[in-house]
Amino acid sequence: MQHLRLRLNADFSGPHAWFFLARERGYFAAQGLDLELLPGDGAAVIVPGIGHDGVEAGYGDLNALAALAARDATSAPIGVYQVFNQVPFTIAVRSDGPVHAVRDLAGRRLVGKPDDAAILVFAALAAAAGLDPAAVSVQLSTRPMGEQVRDLLLGGEADGVFGFVNTILAASTPLGVEASALRFIEYVQWLPDLYGNGLMVSRRLLTESPGVVRALVHGLNRGVCETLQDLEAGMAALQRAAPGINLPVQRRRLEGTIAKEMAHPETLRIGLGAVDAERLQRGIDQVARSCGWPRSPRADELFTPAFLPALPERFPGRPG
């Protein structure tokens, strides 16, 4: 049995249900893989750590991977199964405030976690919407996201909070913040070609243990398909692995992820887990220009479809 450590993008939560369902049902073990799932501290933060400290796989942001590959593609991880086919980034603002569109952010103060993926590509959002990013003050905070919303945004110290829509709601709702108090400026309107979170592995694992990569991808695919068919089963597996979760909040978070981050119609054509290489290249080129990267990495430096199950297997209800 091959042991593999995989770093998730955050603490165990609803949008991780498919990992736990696949592991519980033995889809990894059946292919000789003993998968250890580790909590992470951000979809962008975990990417540079893949391939270090015994962590050879991760669930992170494809744009953060592209930023890393723009400097050195040979040492960057590579995507092998794409889950979010729409970018989840957002800026939460007060629903009763003056910010209704990206251009309204001029002269405003925004706050977010260091290395937040939404901050990473903010210059691309600004360029696409006709906003000078220098006109916006971006402040970094290590405070929990829910506190950033409740205390800084609603408390009047900031005009917006960077993050993911569903993550912000999940973090702030338990603190008494009503969803109606927030309005979301969503990146997908201006950056429709960008992808979000996906499974990625180190180059070392890809080269030295392709069978492990295949087992990981095929097991995850079954977990995703079966969770989409039965959300209760996915949530039950997650709760058994993390008994302390707030089940209703995490269920809504999973539902929101499916409705938003996984809602691109291309899935009907290319199936779960895949990317459209031309679309990926357009999006990365756009971000590379706007953010001043040293180069725009090629799509095939960021993602390989070599380990994906056959197309008929990458639809809900069809095991792979």
C-alpha atoms as a PDB file:
ATOM      1  CA  MET A   1       0.000   0.000   0.000  1.00  0.00           C
ATOM      2  CA  GLN A   2       1.451   3.369  -1.073  1.00  0.00           C
ATOM      3  CA  HIS A   3       1.005   6.151   1.497  1.00  0.00           C
ATOM      4  CA  LEU A   4       0.302   9.620   0.082  1.00  0.00           C
ATOM      5  CA  ARG A   5      -0.193  12.916   1.917  1.00  0.00           C
ATOM      6  CA  LEU A   6      -2.527  15.416   0.239  1.00  0.00           C
ATOM      7  CA  ARG A   7      -2.918  18.999   1.458  1.00  0.00           C
ATOM      8  CA  LEU A   8      -6.417  20.459   1.095  1.00  0.00           C
ATOM      9  CA  ASN A   9      -6.986  24.174   0.599  1.00  0.00           C
ATOM     10  CA  ALA A  10      -8.582  24.750   4.012  1.00  0.00           C
ATOM     11  CA  ASP A  11      -9.906  23.037   7.115  1.00  0.00           C
ATOM     12  CA  PHE A  12     -12.168  20.069   6.361  1.00  0.00           C
ATOM     13  CA  SER A  13     -15.402  21.480   4.946  1.00  0.00           C
ATOM     14  CA  GLY A  14     -18.382  20.772   2.718  1.00  0.00           C
ATOM     15  CA  PRO A  15     -16.547  21.235  -0.600  1.00  0.00           C
ATOM     16  CA  HIS A  16     -14.138  18.465   0.451  1.00  0.00           C
ATOM     17  CA  ALA A  17     -16.895  15.875   0.848  1.00  0.00           C
ATOM     18  CA  TRP A  18     -15.888  13.918  -2.263  1.00  0.00           C
ATOM     19  CA  PHE A  19     -12.413  13.237  -0.919  1.00  0.00           C
ATOM     20  CA  PHE A  20     -13.815  11.726   2.263  1.00  0.00           C
ATOM     21  CA  LEU A  21     -16.551   9.774   0.499  1.00  0.00           C
ATOM     22  CA  ALA A  22     -14.038   8.244  -1.926  1.00  0.00           C
ATOM     23  CA  ARG A  23     -11.676   7.346   0.898  1.00  0.00           C
ATOM     24  CA  GLU A  24     -14.441   5.893   3.071  1.00  0.00           C
ATOM     25  CA  ARG A  25     -15.777   3.757   0.226  1.00  0.00           C
ATOM     26  CA  GLY A  26     -12.308   2.376  -0.434  1.00  0.00           C
ATOM     27  CA  TYR A  27     -11.784   3.801  -3.918  1.00  0.00           C
ATOM     28  CA  PHE A  28      -8.196   4.788  -3.174  1.00  0.00           C
ATOM     29  CA  ALA A  29      -7.356   1.682  -1.141  1.00  0.00           C
ATOM     30  CA  ALA A  30      -8.704  -0.577  -3.888  1.00  0.00           C
ATOM     31  CA  GLN A  31      -5.942   0.745  -6.125  1.00  0.00           C
ATOM     32  CA  GLY A  32      -3.220   0.386  -3.498  1.00  0.00           C
ATOM     33  CA  LEU A  33      -3.303   3.961  -2.230  1.00  0.00           C
ATOM     34  CA  ASP A  34      -3.393   4.953   1.444  1.00  0.00           C
ATOM     35  CA  LEU A  35      -4.473   8.599   1.280  1.00  0.00           C
ATOM     36  CA  GLU A  36      -3.870  10.970   4.191  1.00  0.00           C
ATOM     37  CA  LEU A  37      -5.830  14.219   3.943  1.00  0.00           C
ATOM     38  CA  LEU A  38      -4.329  17.291   5.616  1.00  0.00           C
ATOM     39  CA  PRO A  39      -6.048  20.645   6.272  1.00  0.00           C
ATOM     40  CA  GLY A  40      -4.591  23.697   4.554  1.00  0.00           C
ATOM     41  CA  ASP A  41      -4.574  27.458   5.020  1.00  0.00           C
ATOM     42  CA  GLY A  42      -5.581  28.775   1.620  1.00  0.00           C
ATOM     43  CA  ALA A  43      -5.999  27.658  -1.995  1.00  0.00           C
ATOM     44  CA  ALA A  44      -3.060  29.771  -3.138  1.00  0.00           C
ATOM     45  CA  VAL A  45      -0.870  29.247  -0.072  1.00  0.00           C
ATOM     46  CA  ILE A  46      -0.702  25.463  -0.326  1.00  0.00           C
ATOM     47  CA  VAL A  47       0.487  25.344  -3.946  1.00  0.00           C
ATOM     48  CA  PRO A  48       4.211  26.137  -3.404  1.00  0.00           C
ATOM     49  CA  GLY A  49       4.342  23.503  -0.661  1.00  0.00           C
ATOM     50  CA  ILE A  50       3.397  20.619  -2.954  1.00  0.00           C
ATOM     51  CA  GLY A  51       6.497  18.493  -3.364  1.00  0.00           C
ATOM     52  CA  HIS A  52       7.967  19.557  -0.013  1.00  0.00           C
ATOM     53  CA  ASP A  53       7.864  18.204   3.542  1.00  0.00           C
ATOM     54  CA  GLY A  54       6.422  14.892   2.411  1.00  0.00           C
ATOM     55  CA  VAL A  55       3.349  16.412   0.755  1.00  0.00           C
ATOM     56  CA  GLU A  56       3.254  15.298  -2.885  1.00  0.00           C
ATOM     57  CA  ALA A  57      -0.331  16.298  -3.763  1.00  0.00           C
ATOM     58  CA  GLY A  58      -2.625  19.208  -3.059  1.00  0.00           C
ATOM     59  CA  TYR A  59      -6.007  20.742  -3.734  1.00  0.00           C
ATOM     60  CA  GLY A  60      -5.272  24.316  -4.699  1.00  0.00           C
ATOM     61  CA  ASP A  61      -5.873  27.247  -7.003  1.00  0.00           C
ATOM     62  CA  LEU A  62      -4.825  26.856 -10.625  1.00  0.00           C
ATOM     63  CA  ASN A  63      -4.005  30.561 -10.930  1.00  0.00           C
ATOM     64  CA  ALA A  64      -1.552  30.326  -8.037  1.00  0.00           C
ATOM     65  CA  LEU A  65       0.014  27.368  -9.812  1.00  0.00           C
ATOM     66  CA  ALA A  66       0.278  29.477 -12.988  1.00  0.00           C
ATOM     67  CA  ALA A  67       1.978  32.295 -11.074  1.00  0.00           C
ATOM     68  CA  LEU A  68       4.529  29.789  -9.778  1.00  0.00           C
ATOM     69  CA  ALA A  69       5.022  28.208 -13.202  1.00  0.00           C
ATOM     70  CA  ALA A  70       5.540  31.644 -14.745  1.00  0.00           C
ATOM     71  CA  ARG A  71       8.797  31.760 -12.803  1.00  0.00           C
ATOM     72  CA  ASP A  72       9.832  28.101 -13.062  1.00  0.00           C
ATOM     73  CA  ALA A  73       7.524  25.515 -14.586  1.00  0.00           C
ATOM     74  CA  THR A  74       9.946  22.641 -13.993  1.00  0.00           C
ATOM     75  CA  SER A  75       9.620  22.867 -10.214  1.00  0.00           C
ATOM     76  CA  ALA A  76       5.933  23.816 -10.050  1.00  0.00           C
ATOM     77  CA  PRO A  77       3.225  21.208  -9.463  1.00  0.00           C
ATOM     78  CA  ILE A  78       0.867  20.264 -12.281  1.00  0.00           C
ATOM     79  CA  GLY A  79      -2.911  19.916 -12.325  1.00  0.00           C
ATOM     80  CA  VAL A  80      -4.371  16.455 -12.958  1.00  0.00           C
ATOM     81  CA  TYR A  81      -8.083  16.816 -12.099  1.00  0.00           C
ATOM     82  CA  GLN A  82      -9.875  20.159 -12.236  1.00  0.00           C
ATOM     83  CA  VAL A  83     -12.857  20.529  -9.897  1.00  0.00           C
ATOM     84  CA  PHE A  84     -13.740  24.248 -10.066  1.00  0.00           C
ATOM     85  CA  ASN A  85     -14.336  25.186 -13.698  1.00  0.00           C
ATOM     86  CA  GLN A  86     -15.257  28.750 -12.779  1.00  0.00           C
ATOM     87  CA  VAL A  87     -13.187  31.112 -10.687  1.00  0.00           C
ATOM     88  CA  PRO A  88     -14.730  31.537  -7.201  1.00  0.00           C
ATOM     89  CA  PHE A  89     -13.033  34.817  -6.292  1.00  0.00           C
ATOM     90  CA  THR A  90     -15.061  37.681  -4.958  1.00  0.00           C
ATOM     91  CA  ILE A  91     -14.951  40.912  -2.996  1.00  0.00           C
ATOM     92  CA  ALA A  92     -17.654  41.104  -0.345  1.00  0.00           C
ATOM     93  CA  VAL A  93     -19.039  44.595   0.283  1.00  0.00           C
ATOM     94  CA  ARG A  94     -21.902  45.964   2.361  1.00  0.00           C
ATOM     95  CA  SER A  95     -25.249  45.466   0.689  1.00  0.00           C
ATOM     96  CA  ASP A  96     -26.315  48.919   1.881  1.00  0.00           C
ATOM     97  CA  GLY A  97     -23.058  50.566   0.808  1.00  0.00           C
ATOM     98  CA  PRO A  98     -22.010  52.539  -2.271  1.00  0.00           C
ATOM     99  CA  VAL A  99     -19.995  49.790  -4.018  1.00  0.00           C
ATOM    100  CA  HIS A 100     -22.022  48.127  -6.760  1.00  0.00           C
ATOM    101  CA  ALA A 101     -19.369  47.424  -9.399  1.00  0.00           C
ATOM    102  CA  VAL A 102     -15.612  47.056  -9.745  1.00  0.00           C
ATOM    103  CA  ARG A 103     -15.067  50.692 -10.697  1.00  0.00           C
ATOM    104  CA  ASP A 104     -16.770  51.780  -7.471  1.00  0.00           C
ATOM    105  CA  LEU A 105     -13.765  50.389  -5.606  1.00  0.00           C
ATOM    106  CA  ALA A 106     -11.638  53.408  -6.541  1.00  0.00           C
ATOM    107  CA  GLY A 107     -10.520  55.141  -3.360  1.00  0.00           C
ATOM    108  CA  ARG A 108     -11.741  52.260  -1.184  1.00  0.00           C
ATOM    109  CA  ARG A 109      -9.976  50.079   1.386  1.00  0.00           C
ATOM    110  CA  LEU A 110      -9.998  46.339   0.837  1.00  0.00           C
ATOM    111  CA  VAL A 111      -8.750  43.650   3.205  1.00  0.00           C
ATOM    112  CA  GLY A 112      -7.825  40.005   2.785  1.00  0.00           C
ATOM    113  CA  LYS A 113      -5.607  37.222   4.006  1.00  0.00           C
ATOM    114  CA  PRO A 114      -1.953  37.261   2.902  1.00  0.00           C
ATOM    115  CA  ASP A 115      -1.519  35.337  -0.367  1.00  0.00           C
ATOM    116  CA  ASP A 116      -5.287  35.091  -0.877  1.00  0.00           C
ATOM    117  CA  ALA A 117      -5.933  33.850  -4.417  1.00  0.00           C
ATOM    118  CA  ALA A 118      -8.401  36.681  -5.046  1.00  0.00           C
ATOM    119  CA  ILE A 119      -5.693  39.233  -4.200  1.00  0.00           C
ATOM    120  CA  LEU A 120      -3.235  37.397  -6.440  1.00  0.00           C
ATOM    121  CA  VAL A 121      -5.252  38.207  -9.580  1.00  0.00           C
ATOM    122  CA  PHE A 122      -6.884  41.457  -8.429  1.00  0.00           C
ATOM    123  CA  ALA A 123      -4.868  43.463 -10.972  1.00  0.00           C
ATOM    124  CA  ALA A 124      -6.409  41.364 -13.751  1.00  0.00           C
ATOM    125  CA  LEU A 125      -9.920  42.074 -12.457  1.00  0.00           C
ATOM    126  CA  ALA A 126      -9.154  45.779 -12.266  1.00  0.00           C
ATOM    127  CA  ALA A 127      -7.687  45.872 -15.780  1.00  0.00           C
ATOM    128  CA  ALA A 128     -10.653  44.025 -17.260  1.00  0.00           C
ATOM    129  CA  ALA A 129     -13.122  46.379 -15.572  1.00  0.00           C
ATOM    130  CA  GLY A 130     -11.234  49.607 -16.337  1.00  0.00           C
ATOM    131  CA  LEU A 131     -10.090  50.322 -12.780  1.00  0.00           C
ATOM    132  CA  ASP A 132      -6.621  51.522 -11.865  1.00  0.00           C
ATOM    133  CA  PRO A 133      -5.529  49.054  -9.148  1.00  0.00           C
ATOM    134  CA  ALA A 134      -3.304  51.747  -7.666  1.00  0.00           C
ATOM    135  CA  ALA A 135      -6.483  53.629  -6.759  1.00  0.00           C
ATOM    136  CA  VAL A 136      -7.409  50.877  -4.300  1.00  0.00           C
ATOM    137  CA  SER A 137      -5.808  50.313  -0.900  1.00  0.00           C
ATOM    138  CA  VAL A 138      -5.288  46.601  -0.233  1.00  0.00           C
ATOM    139  CA  GLN A 139      -4.475  45.698   3.359  1.00  0.00           C
ATOM    140  CA  LEU A 140      -3.466  42.224   4.529  1.00  0.00           C
ATOM    141  CA  SER A 141      -4.892  40.694   7.681  1.00  0.00           C
ATOM    142  CA  THR A 142      -4.328  37.361   9.406  1.00  0.00           C
ATOM    143  CA  ARG A 143      -7.634  37.605  11.258  1.00  0.00           C
ATOM    144  CA  PRO A 144     -10.163  34.856  10.496  1.00  0.00           C
ATOM    145  CA  MET A 145     -12.301  35.659   7.480  1.00  0.00           C
ATOM    146  CA  GLY A 146     -15.530  35.787   9.464  1.00  0.00           C
ATOM    147  CA  GLU A 147     -14.034  38.424  11.735  1.00  0.00           C
ATOM    148  CA  GLN A 148     -12.819  40.400   8.752  1.00  0.00           C
ATOM    149  CA  VAL A 149     -16.405  40.547   7.511  1.00  0.00           C
ATOM    150  CA  ARG A 150     -18.091  41.204  10.850  1.00  0.00           C
ATOM    151  CA  ASP A 151     -15.568  43.526  12.463  1.00  0.00           C
ATOM    152  CA  LEU A 152     -13.708  45.208   9.607  1.00  0.00           C
ATOM    153  CA  LEU A 153     -16.268  45.362   6.792  1.00  0.00           C
ATOM    154  CA  LEU A 154     -19.510  45.755   8.730  1.00  0.00           C
ATOM    155  CA  GLY A 155     -17.639  47.653  11.444  1.00  0.00           C
ATOM    156  CA  GLY A 156     -16.609  50.317   8.939  1.00  0.00           C
ATOM    157  CA  GLU A 157     -12.837  49.814   8.926  1.00  0.00           C
ATOM    158  CA  ALA A 158     -12.802  48.334   5.413  1.00  0.00           C
ATOM    159  CA  ASP A 159     -14.935  48.654   2.293  1.00  0.00           C
ATOM    160  CA  GLY A 160     -14.491  45.105   1.042  1.00  0.00           C
ATOM    161  CA  VAL A 161     -13.142  41.646   1.912  1.00  0.00           C
ATOM    162  CA  PHE A 162     -11.409  39.321  -0.552  1.00  0.00           C
ATOM    163  CA  GLY A 163     -12.288  35.628  -0.671  1.00  0.00           C
ATOM    164  CA  PHE A 164     -14.608  33.000  -2.124  1.00  0.00           C
ATOM    165  CA  VAL A 165     -18.367  33.631  -1.973  1.00  0.00           C
ATOM    166  CA  ASN A 166     -19.182  30.376  -0.212  1.00  0.00           C
ATOM    167  CA  THR A 167     -16.184  30.582   2.120  1.00  0.00           C
ATOM    168  CA  ILE A 168     -17.116  34.093   3.212  1.00  0.00           C
ATOM    169  CA  LEU A 169     -20.710  33.075   3.895  1.00  0.00           C
ATOM    170  CA  ALA A 170     -19.656  29.941   5.777  1.00  0.00           C
ATOM    171  CA  ALA A 171     -17.189  31.899   7.900  1.00  0.00           C
ATOM    172  CA  SER A 172     -19.415  34.863   8.728  1.00  0.00           C
ATOM    173  CA  THR A 173     -22.839  33.241   9.184  1.00  0.00           C
ATOM    174  CA  PRO A 174     -21.915  31.542  12.502  1.00  0.00           C
ATOM    175  CA  LEU A 175     -20.824  34.970  13.764  1.00  0.00           C
ATOM    176  CA  GLY A 176     -24.313  36.351  13.261  1.00  0.00           C
ATOM    177  CA  VAL A 177     -23.783  37.982   9.858  1.00  0.00           C
ATOM    178  CA  GLU A 178     -26.863  37.675   7.654  1.00  0.00           C
ATOM    179  CA  ALA A 179     -26.220  36.902   3.996  1.00  0.00           C
ATOM    180  CA  SER A 180     -28.477  39.849   3.152  1.00  0.00           C
ATOM    181  CA  ALA A 181     -25.926  42.197   4.732  1.00  0.00           C
ATOM    182  CA  LEU A 182     -23.440  41.430   1.950  1.00  0.00           C
ATOM    183  CA  ARG A 183     -23.131  42.112  -1.756  1.00  0.00           C
ATOM    184  CA  PHE A 184     -20.567  40.250  -3.848  1.00  0.00           C
ATOM    185  CA  ILE A 185     -18.414  41.664  -6.637  1.00  0.00           C
ATOM    186  CA  GLU A 186     -17.631  38.421  -8.466  1.00  0.00           C
ATOM    187  CA  TYR A 187     -14.553  38.030 -10.642  1.00  0.00           C
ATOM    188  CA  VAL A 188     -16.201  35.568 -13.025  1.00  0.00           C
ATOM    189  CA  GLN A 189     -18.097  38.402 -14.710  1.00  0.00           C
ATOM    190  CA  TRP A 190     -14.824  39.969 -15.852  1.00  0.00           C
ATOM    191  CA  LEU A 191     -12.524  36.941 -15.942  1.00  0.00           C
ATOM    192  CA  PRO A 192     -14.741  34.167 -17.343  1.00  0.00           C
ATOM    193  CA  ASP A 193     -11.857  32.073 -18.680  1.00  0.00           C
ATOM    194  CA  LEU A 194     -10.202  31.479 -15.310  1.00  0.00           C
ATOM    195  CA  TYR A 195     -10.393  28.153 -13.480  1.00  0.00           C
ATOM    196  CA  GLY A 196     -10.303  27.668  -9.710  1.00  0.00           C
ATOM    197  CA  ASN A 197      -9.406  24.795  -7.401  1.00  0.00           C
ATOM    198  CA  GLY A 198      -8.203  21.450  -8.634  1.00  0.00           C
ATOM    199  CA  LEU A 199      -6.119  18.438  -7.744  1.00  0.00           C
ATOM    200  CA  MET A 200      -2.415  18.879  -8.433  1.00  0.00           C
ATOM    201  CA  VAL A 201       0.664  16.753  -7.830  1.00  0.00           C
ATOM    202  CA  SER A 202       4.404  17.273  -7.682  1.00  0.00           C
ATOM    203  CA  ARG A 203       6.511  16.687 -10.772  1.00  0.00           C
ATOM    204  CA  ARG A 204       8.378  14.053  -8.803  1.00  0.00           C
ATOM    205  CA  LEU A 205       5.231  12.046  -8.116  1.00  0.00           C
ATOM    206  CA  LEU A 206       4.127  12.433 -11.720  1.00  0.00           C
ATOM    207  CA  THR A 207       7.429  11.068 -13.015  1.00  0.00           C
ATOM    208  CA  GLU A 208       8.287   8.448 -10.425  1.00  0.00           C
ATOM    209  CA  SER A 209       4.841   7.108  -9.472  1.00  0.00           C
ATOM    210  CA  PRO A 210       2.365   7.577 -12.339  1.00  0.00           C
ATOM    211  CA  GLY A 211       0.311   4.662 -10.988  1.00  0.00           C
ATOM    212  CA  VAL A 212      -0.235   6.552  -7.744  1.00  0.00           C
ATOM    213  CA  VAL A 213      -1.385   9.618  -9.669  1.00  0.00           C
ATOM    214  CA  ARG A 214      -3.809   7.505 -11.678  1.00  0.00           C
ATOM    215  CA  ALA A 215      -5.201   5.893  -8.510  1.00  0.00           C
ATOM    216  CA  LEU A 216      -5.628   9.321  -6.914  1.00  0.00           C
ATOM    217  CA  VAL A 217      -7.404  10.811  -9.927  1.00  0.00           C
ATOM    218  CA  HIS A 218      -9.692   7.849 -10.529  1.00  0.00           C
ATOM    219  CA  GLY A 219     -10.618   7.605  -6.858  1.00  0.00           C
ATOM    220  CA  LEU A 220     -11.402  11.317  -6.631  1.00  0.00           C
ATOM    221  CA  ASN A 221     -13.467  11.170  -9.809  1.00  0.00           C
ATOM    222  CA  ARG A 222     -15.675   8.474  -8.298  1.00  0.00           C
ATOM    223  CA  GLY A 223     -16.003  10.509  -5.122  1.00  0.00           C
ATOM    224  CA  VAL A 224     -17.043  13.636  -7.041  1.00  0.00           C
ATOM    225  CA  CYS A 225     -19.543  11.773  -9.225  1.00  0.00           C
ATOM    226  CA  GLU A 226     -21.133   9.973  -6.291  1.00  0.00           C
ATOM    227  CA  THR A 227     -21.289  13.056  -4.095  1.00  0.00           C
ATOM    228  CA  LEU A 228     -23.057  14.947  -6.865  1.00  0.00           C
ATOM    229  CA  GLN A 229     -25.560  12.100  -7.009  1.00  0.00           C
ATOM    230  CA  ASP A 230     -25.987  11.890  -3.223  1.00  0.00           C
ATOM    231  CA  LEU A 231     -24.978  14.961  -1.228  1.00  0.00           C
ATOM    232  CA  GLU A 232     -26.146  13.375   2.016  1.00  0.00           C
ATOM    233  CA  ALA A 233     -23.688  10.504   1.597  1.00  0.00           C
ATOM    234  CA  GLY A 234     -20.848  12.917   0.945  1.00  0.00           C
ATOM    235  CA  MET A 235     -21.704  15.043   3.950  1.00  0.00           C
ATOM    236  CA  ALA A 236     -22.053  11.991   6.182  1.00  0.00           C
ATOM    237  CA  ALA A 237     -18.564  10.811   5.197  1.00  0.00           C
ATOM    238  CA  LEU A 238     -17.184  14.280   5.913  1.00  0.00           C
ATOM    239  CA  GLN A 239     -18.893  14.415   9.301  1.00  0.00           C
ATOM    240  CA  ARG A 240     -17.501  11.034  10.311  1.00  0.00           C
ATOM    241  CA  ALA A 241     -14.004  12.317   9.506  1.00  0.00           C
ATOM    242  CA  ALA A 242     -14.592  15.729  11.126  1.00  0.00           C
ATOM    243  CA  PRO A 243     -17.321  15.360  13.789  1.00  0.00           C
ATOM    244  CA  GLY A 244     -17.052  18.978  14.910  1.00  0.00           C
ATOM    245  CA  ILE A 245     -18.240  20.582  11.668  1.00  0.00           C
ATOM    246  CA  ASN A 246     -21.398  22.691  11.499  1.00  0.00           C
ATOM    247  CA  LEU A 247     -23.341  20.363   9.240  1.00  0.00           C
ATOM    248  CA  PRO A 248     -26.027  22.791   7.958  1.00  0.00           C
ATOM    249  CA  VAL A 249     -23.446  25.484   7.175  1.00  0.00           C
ATOM    250  CA  GLN A 250     -21.125  23.044   5.429  1.00  0.00           C
ATOM    251  CA  ARG A 251     -24.013  21.499   3.486  1.00  0.00           C
ATOM    252  CA  ARG A 252     -24.919  24.958   2.163  1.00  0.00           C
ATOM    253  CA  ARG A 253     -21.263  25.541   1.345  1.00  0.00           C
ATOM    254  CA  LEU A 254     -21.135  22.341  -0.703  1.00  0.00           C
ATOM    255  CA  GLU A 255     -24.364  23.248  -2.494  1.00  0.00           C
ATOM    256  CA  GLY A 256     -23.003  26.711  -3.255  1.00  0.00           C
ATOM    257  CA  THR A 257     -19.764  25.273  -4.631  1.00  0.00           C
ATOM    258  CA  ILE A 258     -21.674  22.990  -6.991  1.00  0.00           C
ATOM    259  CA  ALA A 259     -23.994  25.805  -8.080  1.00  0.00           C
ATOM    260  CA  LYS A 260     -21.228  28.359  -8.664  1.00  0.00           C
ATOM    261  CA  GLU A 261     -17.682  27.058  -8.915  1.00  0.00           C
ATOM    262  CA  MET A 262     -18.649  23.903 -10.841  1.00  0.00           C
ATOM    263  CA  ALA A 263     -21.384  25.373 -13.026  1.00  0.00           C
ATOM    264  CA  HIS A 264     -19.591  26.084 -16.305  1.00  0.00           C
ATOM    265  CA  PRO A 265     -21.533  24.482 -19.180  1.00  0.00           C
ATOM    266  CA  GLU A 266     -18.351  23.057 -20.695  1.00  0.00           C
ATOM    267  CA  THR A 267     -18.733  20.105 -18.306  1.00  0.00           C
ATOM    268  CA  LEU A 268     -21.462  18.757 -20.573  1.00  0.00           C
ATOM    269  CA  ARG A 269     -18.894  18.636 -23.366  1.00  0.00           C
ATOM    270  CA  ILE A 270     -15.576  17.714 -21.732  1.00  0.00           C
ATOM    271  CA  GLY A 271     -16.764  16.024 -18.527  1.00  0.00           C
ATOM    272  CA  LEU A 272     -15.740  16.471 -14.915  1.00  0.00           C
ATOM    273  CA  GLY A 273     -12.073  16.939 -14.127  1.00  0.00           C
ATOM    274  CA  ALA A 274     -10.963  18.266 -17.514  1.00  0.00           C
ATOM    275  CA  VAL A 275     -10.030  21.727 -18.774  1.00  0.00           C
ATOM    276  CA  ASP A 276     -10.492  23.375 -22.128  1.00  0.00           C
ATOM    277  CA  ALA A 277      -6.853  24.091 -22.999  1.00  0.00           C
ATOM    278  CA  GLU A 278      -7.654  27.070 -25.242  1.00  0.00           C
ATOM    279  CA  ARG A 279      -9.858  28.660 -22.589  1.00  0.00           C
ATOM    280  CA  LEU A 280      -7.228  28.018 -19.906  1.00  0.00           C
ATOM    281  CA  GLN A 281      -4.562  29.645 -22.060  1.00  0.00           C
ATOM    282  CA  ARG A 282      -6.698  32.730 -22.694  1.00  0.00           C
ATOM    283  CA  GLY A 283      -7.335  33.207 -19.004  1.00  0.00           C
ATOM    284  CA  ILE A 284      -3.721  32.751 -17.967  1.00  0.00           C
ATOM    285  CA  ASP A 285      -2.520  35.096 -20.724  1.00  0.00           C
ATOM    286  CA  GLN A 286      -4.937  37.743 -19.454  1.00  0.00           C
ATOM    287  CA  VAL A 287      -3.720  37.444 -15.869  1.00  0.00           C
ATOM    288  CA  ALA A 288      -0.044  37.291 -16.858  1.00  0.00           C
ATOM    289  CA  ARG A 289      -0.328  40.584 -18.798  1.00  0.00           C
ATOM    290  CA  SER A 290      -2.246  42.397 -16.091  1.00  0.00           C
ATOM    291  CA  CYS A 291      -0.199  41.150 -13.147  1.00  0.00           C
ATOM    292  CA  GLY A 292       3.221  41.605 -14.765  1.00  0.00           C
ATOM    293  CA  TRP A 293       4.354  38.002 -14.625  1.00  0.00           C
ATOM    294  CA  PRO A 294       7.727  37.305 -16.276  1.00  0.00           C
ATOM    295  CA  ARG A 295       5.957  35.109 -18.833  1.00  0.00           C
ATOM    296  CA  SER A 296       2.650  33.399 -19.492  1.00  0.00           C
ATOM    297  CA  PRO A 297       3.010  29.649 -18.902  1.00  0.00           C
ATOM    298  CA  ARG A 298       1.588  27.258 -21.476  1.00  0.00           C
ATOM    299  CA  ALA A 299      -1.608  25.400 -20.670  1.00  0.00           C
ATOM    300  CA  ASP A 300       0.213  22.061 -20.898  1.00  0.00           C
ATOM    301  CA  GLU A 301       2.649  23.256 -18.229  1.00  0.00           C
ATOM    302  CA  LEU A 302      -0.290  23.705 -15.859  1.00  0.00           C
ATOM    303  CA  PHE A 303      -2.504  20.711 -16.530  1.00  0.00           C
ATOM    304  CA  THR A 304      -2.246  17.228 -18.001  1.00  0.00           C
ATOM    305  CA  PRO A 305      -5.292  15.145 -18.949  1.00  0.00           C
ATOM    306  CA  ALA A 306      -3.165  11.983 -19.130  1.00  0.00           C
ATOM    307  CA  PHE A 307      -4.595  10.450 -15.944  1.00  0.00           C
ATOM    308  CA  LEU A 308      -8.279  11.258 -16.417  1.00  0.00           C
ATOM    309  CA  PRO A 309     -10.763   8.391 -16.675  1.00  0.00           C
ATOM    310  CA  ALA A 310     -12.504   7.942 -20.020  1.00  0.00           C
ATOM    311  CA  LEU A 311     -15.096  10.629 -20.790  1.00  0.00           C
ATOM    312  CA  PRO A 312     -18.177   8.439 -20.131  1.00  0.00           C
ATOM    313  CA  GLU A 313     -16.885   7.806 -16.600  1.00  0.00           C
ATOM    314  CA  ARG A 314     -16.632  11.512 -15.759  1.00  0.00           C
ATOM    315  CA  PHE A 315     -20.315  12.177 -15.289  1.00  0.00           C
ATOM    316  CA  PRO A 316     -22.379  11.754 -12.094  1.00  0.00           C
ATOM    317  CA  GLY A 317     -23.692   8.250 -11.598  1.00  0.00           C
ATOM    318  CA  ARG A 318     -21.129   6.531 -13.794  1.00  0.00           C
ATOM    319  CA  PRO A 319     -18.334   4.909 -11.737  1.00  0.00           C
ATOM    320  CA  GLY A 320     -14.770   5.111 -13.005  1.00  0.00           C
END
